Amino acid sequence: MKQIVHFYFFYSRSAGATLFNLLTGKFPYDCLKNSPKVENEIQSNIRSLKLSDNGKSALGYMLTTESTKRFSTERLKDHPWFHEK
């Protein structure tokens, strides 16, 4: 069961990276850079998007490097961004 849970958190992050790329044509961070500042880079890139606050929030939860803070796909479906009109 633990492997399945980890899969959903990984899936959320890869879906977030794909969504970021579709919105901007760029990736949310330099994956070749091995730096503890990657989280700051990701969140800064998200804040710079022309996206609603709820959209930025959802992407932030999808792309965080801290797995304990990353939303599962089930929790993400309840995020307000997916209910905006």
Protein backbone atom coordinates (compact mmCIF):
# COMPACT_ATOMS: atom_id res chain seq x y z
CA MET A 1 0.00 0.00 0.00
CA LYS A 2 2.84 2.40 0.82
CA GLN A 3 4.18 2.07 -2.75
CA ILE A 4 0.78 3.05 -4.15
CA VAL A 5 0.64 6.16 -1.95
CA HIS A 6 4.13 7.20 -3.09
CA PHE A 7 3.06 6.70 -6.71
CA TYR A 8 0.16 9.16 -6.31
CA PHE A 9 2.43 11.81 -4.80
CA PHE A 10 4.94 11.28 -7.61
CA TYR A 11 2.18 11.42 -10.20
CA SER A 12 0.95 14.73 -8.78
CA ARG A 13 4.43 16.23 -9.08
CA SER A 14 5.02 15.03 -12.64
CA ALA A 15 1.54 16.25 -13.63
CA GLY A 16 2.38 19.63 -12.09
CA ALA A 17 5.64 19.84 -14.02
CA THR A 18 3.81 18.96 -17.23
CA LEU A 19 1.11 21.56 -16.57
CA PHE A 20 3.75 24.22 -15.80
CA ASN A 21 5.50 23.37 -19.07
CA LEU A 22 2.26 23.59 -21.04
CA LEU A 23 1.48 26.99 -19.53
CA THR A 24 4.94 28.52 -19.97
CA GLY A 25 6.94 26.45 -22.45
CA LYS A 26 9.59 26.09 -19.71
CA PHE A 27 10.23 23.71 -16.84
CA PRO A 28 9.61 24.84 -13.25
CA TYR A 29 13.23 24.28 -12.25
CA ASP A 30 16.62 23.36 -13.67
CA CYS A 31 16.67 19.59 -13.18
CA LEU A 32 20.42 19.49 -13.88
CA LYS A 33 21.08 21.71 -10.89
CA ASN A 34 21.51 19.84 -7.62
CA SER A 35 20.82 22.57 -5.12
CA PRO A 36 18.92 22.88 -1.86
CA LYS A 37 17.44 26.07 -3.33
CA VAL A 38 15.39 24.16 -5.91
CA GLU A 39 12.21 24.55 -3.82
CA ASN A 40 12.68 28.34 -3.77
CA GLU A 41 13.26 28.35 -7.53
CA ILE A 42 10.11 26.32 -8.16
CA GLN A 43 7.91 28.47 -5.94
CA SER A 44 9.36 31.69 -7.38
CA ASN A 45 8.65 30.48 -10.92
CA ILE A 46 5.08 29.64 -9.93
CA ARG A 47 4.52 33.08 -8.37
CA SER A 48 5.62 34.72 -11.63
CA LEU A 49 2.87 33.01 -13.66
CA LYS A 50 -0.18 34.92 -14.89
CA LEU A 51 -2.50 32.54 -13.13
CA SER A 52 -5.13 32.91 -10.41
CA ASP A 53 -4.00 32.64 -6.81
CA ASN A 54 -5.80 29.29 -6.61
CA GLY A 55 -3.94 28.10 -9.72
CA LYS A 56 -0.59 29.11 -8.23
CA SER A 57 -1.52 27.40 -4.97
CA ALA A 58 -2.44 24.14 -6.72
CA LEU A 59 0.79 24.12 -8.75
CA GLY A 60 2.76 24.88 -5.60
CA TYR A 61 1.28 21.85 -3.85
CA MET A 62 1.87 19.69 -6.92
CA LEU A 63 5.49 20.71 -7.42
CA THR A 64 6.82 21.03 -3.89
CA THR A 65 9.98 19.03 -3.28
CA GLU A 66 8.73 18.19 0.22
CA SER A 67 6.80 14.98 -0.29
CA THR A 68 4.91 15.35 2.99
CA LYS A 69 3.43 18.64 1.74
CA ARG A 70 2.70 17.44 -1.81
CA PHE A 71 -0.97 16.82 -2.55
CA SER A 72 -2.13 13.43 -3.68
CA THR A 73 -4.29 13.38 -6.80
CA GLU A 74 -7.32 12.70 -4.60
CA ARG A 75 -6.66 15.73 -2.42
CA LEU A 76 -5.83 17.85 -5.46
CA LYS A 77 -9.27 17.19 -6.95
CA ASP A 78 -10.76 19.03 -3.96
CA HIS A 79 -8.53 22.11 -4.42
CA PRO A 80 -10.55 25.29 -5.18
CA TRP A 81 -8.71 25.82 -8.50
CA PHE A 82 -10.45 22.81 -10.01
CA HIS A 83 -13.81 24.28 -9.04
CA GLU A 84 -13.26 27.80 -10.44
CA LYS A 85 -15.36 28.90 -13.39
